[in-house]
Amino acid sequence: MARRTISIEEKIQKQEQVVAKAKEKYEAASAELNKLLKELKDINNKKLLDAVASSDKSYEEILTFLNRKNEE
């Protein structure tokens, strides 16, 4: 039984297909990660706004506190 040899062009074409599939998978995973990170950021922003709204401190007092911490 004779073996068929695969040309370098065929090997390149197959590898290009493998890379293309991996790229599609990476892009989908990356998009999902970005979506989840945005969702987490939105949740954290809402928590922060709720904390500010329920605080007995004024907006200016909160900003002063936050800015003071950043300057240290």
Protein backbone atom coordinates (compact mmCIF):
# COMPACT_ATOMS: atom_id res chain seq x y z
CA MET A 1 0.00 0.00 0.00
CA ALA A 2 1.55 3.27 -1.09
CA ARG A 3 1.47 6.22 1.23
CA ARG A 4 0.40 9.56 -0.12
CA THR A 5 2.85 12.28 0.77
CA ILE A 6 1.41 15.58 1.86
CA SER A 7 2.91 18.60 0.18
CA ILE A 8 4.16 21.54 2.16
CA GLU A 9 1.39 23.67 0.62
CA GLU A 10 -1.25 21.28 1.97
CA LYS A 11 0.38 21.32 5.41
CA ILE A 12 0.40 25.11 5.35
CA GLN A 13 -3.26 25.23 4.31
CA LYS A 14 -4.27 22.85 7.11
CA GLN A 15 -2.29 24.83 9.68
CA GLU A 16 -3.89 28.08 8.49
CA GLN A 17 -7.28 26.51 9.15
CA VAL A 18 -6.19 25.47 12.65
CA VAL A 19 -4.97 28.99 13.37
CA ALA A 20 -8.17 30.55 12.00
CA LYS A 21 -10.29 28.35 14.28
CA ALA A 22 -8.11 29.15 17.28
CA LYS A 23 -8.39 32.86 16.48
CA GLU A 24 -12.20 32.65 16.32
CA LYS A 25 -12.27 30.82 19.65
CA TYR A 26 -9.92 33.39 21.23
CA GLU A 27 -11.98 36.31 19.95
CA ALA A 28 -15.19 34.79 21.30
CA ALA A 29 -13.59 34.14 24.70
CA SER A 30 -12.14 37.64 24.75
CA ALA A 31 -15.52 39.19 23.93
CA GLU A 32 -17.15 37.19 26.74
CA LEU A 33 -14.45 38.31 29.18
CA ASN A 34 -14.94 41.96 28.22
CA LYS A 35 -18.70 41.58 28.65
CA LEU A 36 -18.25 40.11 32.12
CA LEU A 37 -15.74 42.79 33.14
CA LYS A 38 -18.17 45.50 32.02
CA GLU A 39 -20.95 43.81 33.99
CA LEU A 40 -18.75 43.72 37.11
CA LYS A 41 -17.84 47.37 36.66
CA ASP A 42 -21.52 48.30 36.35
CA ILE A 43 -22.34 46.35 39.53
CA ASN A 44 -19.50 48.03 41.43
CA ASN A 45 -20.57 51.47 40.17
CA LYS A 46 -24.12 50.83 41.35
CA LYS A 47 -22.87 49.72 44.78
CA LEU A 48 -20.76 52.85 45.04
CA LEU A 49 -23.65 55.12 44.06
CA ASP A 50 -25.93 53.35 46.56
CA ALA A 51 -23.32 53.80 49.30
CA VAL A 52 -22.96 57.50 48.51
CA ALA A 53 -26.74 57.96 48.41
CA SER A 54 -27.24 56.27 51.77
CA SER A 55 -24.28 57.99 53.44
CA ASP A 56 -24.72 60.79 55.94
CA LYS A 57 -21.70 62.52 54.38
CA SER A 58 -22.09 65.20 51.75
CA TYR A 59 -20.89 64.75 48.21
CA GLU A 60 -18.08 67.24 48.83
CA GLU A 61 -16.97 65.40 51.98
CA ILE A 62 -16.80 62.12 50.09
CA LEU A 63 -14.80 63.67 47.26
CA THR A 64 -12.42 65.30 49.72
CA PHE A 65 -11.93 61.97 51.46
CA LEU A 66 -11.28 60.13 48.21
CA ASN A 67 -8.90 62.77 46.90
CA ARG A 68 -6.98 62.86 50.17
CA LYS A 69 -6.46 59.10 50.01
CA ASN A 70 -5.16 59.40 46.42
CA GLU A 71 -2.67 62.11 47.36
CA GLU A 72 -1.06 60.07 50.14
